[in-house]
Every structure is written in C-alpha cells, then in structure tokens.
Amino acid sequence: MGSFSIWHWLIVLLIVVMVFGTKKLKNLGGDLGGAVKGFKDGVKEGGTPADDKTAAAPSQVTAAASGAEKATIDVEAKQKS
C-alpha cells in the first residue's frame, strides 16, 4: 500500500480520459496555462511601476508642502482592464 506502480497511474489516466474526454482535458489545460501566464504578467507589471510611483510621490508632496503657496499636484491615474 506504499507507492503506486506505473500500471496504477496508467489505469487512473485511462479512467480520467474516459470520463472527461480529450477535448475537455485539452481546454482545461489551455485555460489553466492562460491563467498562470496572466498571473505572472500581472505580478511583473504590478511590481515595477508601483516602486517608481512610491519613490516619486514623497518628493512631490514635500516640495508642495514646503512652498509658500499651496500647489496642485498633477497625477495620472491608469485603469486596469
């Protein structure tokens, strides 16, 4: 009852293919791959600009607060799709 042999795994694979069919398994694999790729792109995209924006924001705020006049800070908002 320890580990399964190759024959056990082949029988399980055959049953899974018979139950779901190859087309559903192919679509499921493609959807899962697309989700992983999208997640990786989101992590890469979200990490870099946030560091640049946070580094620039305090210098702008201090420059505006230290001035004699009240100044308006222009910022650019980006929407995620």
Protein backbone atom coordinates (compact mmCIF):
# COMPACT_ATOMS: atom_id res chain seq x y z
CA MET A 1 0.00 0.00 0.00
CA GLY A 2 3.07 2.23 -0.27
CA SER A 3 3.64 3.79 -3.66
CA PHE A 4 1.70 3.16 -6.82
CA SER A 5 3.30 1.48 -9.80
CA ILE A 6 3.19 2.79 -13.37
CA TRP A 7 0.27 0.45 -14.12
CA HIS A 8 -1.86 2.05 -11.43
CA TRP A 9 -1.21 5.53 -12.85
CA LEU A 10 -1.97 4.38 -16.40
CA ILE A 11 -5.31 2.93 -15.30
CA VAL A 12 -6.18 6.17 -13.46
CA LEU A 13 -5.23 8.19 -16.55
CA LEU A 14 -7.37 5.95 -18.78
CA ILE A 15 -10.38 6.38 -16.47
CA VAL A 16 -9.94 10.19 -16.37
CA VAL A 17 -9.74 10.35 -20.18
CA MET A 18 -12.84 8.16 -20.50
CA VAL A 19 -14.83 10.31 -18.03
CA PHE A 20 -13.84 13.78 -19.23
CA GLY A 21 -12.78 13.18 -22.81
CA THR A 22 -9.69 14.53 -24.51
CA LYS A 23 -11.32 17.76 -25.71
CA LYS A 24 -12.32 18.87 -22.21
CA LEU A 25 -8.90 17.99 -20.83
CA LYS A 26 -7.20 19.97 -23.62
CA ASN A 27 -9.41 23.01 -22.95
CA LEU A 28 -8.83 22.73 -19.21
CA GLY A 29 -5.06 22.63 -19.73
CA GLY A 30 -5.17 25.65 -22.04
CA ASP A 31 -7.30 27.63 -19.61
CA LEU A 32 -5.03 26.78 -16.71
CA GLY A 33 -1.93 27.77 -18.71
CA GLY A 34 -3.53 31.08 -19.72
CA ALA A 35 -4.44 31.83 -16.12
CA VAL A 36 -0.90 31.14 -14.91
CA LYS A 37 0.56 33.31 -17.68
CA GLY A 38 -1.84 36.14 -16.86
CA PHE A 39 -0.94 35.90 -13.19
CA LYS A 40 2.79 36.05 -13.91
CA ASP A 41 2.33 39.06 -16.21
CA GLY A 42 0.25 40.79 -13.56
CA VAL A 43 2.90 40.21 -10.91
CA LYS A 44 5.64 41.56 -13.17
CA GLU A 45 3.51 44.52 -14.25
CA GLY A 46 2.32 45.35 -10.76
CA GLY A 47 5.75 45.29 -9.11
CA THR A 48 7.73 47.67 -11.29
CA PRO A 49 5.52 50.76 -11.71
CA ALA A 50 4.43 50.75 -8.06
CA ASP A 51 8.05 51.09 -6.93
CA ASP A 52 8.63 54.01 -9.28
CA LYS A 53 5.44 55.82 -8.22
CA THR A 54 6.05 55.43 -4.49
CA ALA A 55 9.60 56.71 -4.83
CA ALA A 56 8.46 59.82 -6.73
CA ALA A 57 5.41 60.62 -4.62
CA PRO A 58 7.09 61.70 -1.33
CA SER A 59 9.42 64.17 -3.05
CA GLN A 60 6.45 65.82 -4.77
CA VAL A 61 4.49 66.07 -1.54
CA THR A 62 7.38 67.56 0.41
CA ALA A 63 8.12 70.04 -2.35
CA ALA A 64 4.48 71.16 -2.38
CA ALA A 65 4.23 71.33 1.42
CA SER A 66 7.46 73.33 1.85
CA GLY A 67 6.47 76.01 -0.67
CA ALA A 68 4.94 79.29 0.49
CA GLU A 69 1.97 78.88 -1.84
CA LYS A 70 -0.41 75.95 -1.98
CA ALA A 71 0.38 73.98 -5.11
CA THR A 72 -1.63 71.42 -7.02
CA ILE A 73 -0.01 68.08 -7.76
CA ASP A 74 -0.94 66.53 -11.09
CA VAL A 75 -1.21 62.77 -11.10
CA GLU A 76 -2.10 60.36 -13.83
CA ALA A 77 -4.50 57.52 -13.00
CA LYS A 78 -4.44 54.33 -15.02
CA GLN A 79 -7.35 51.92 -15.13
CA LYS A 80 -6.80 48.19 -15.14
CA SER A 81 -8.77 46.31 -17.71
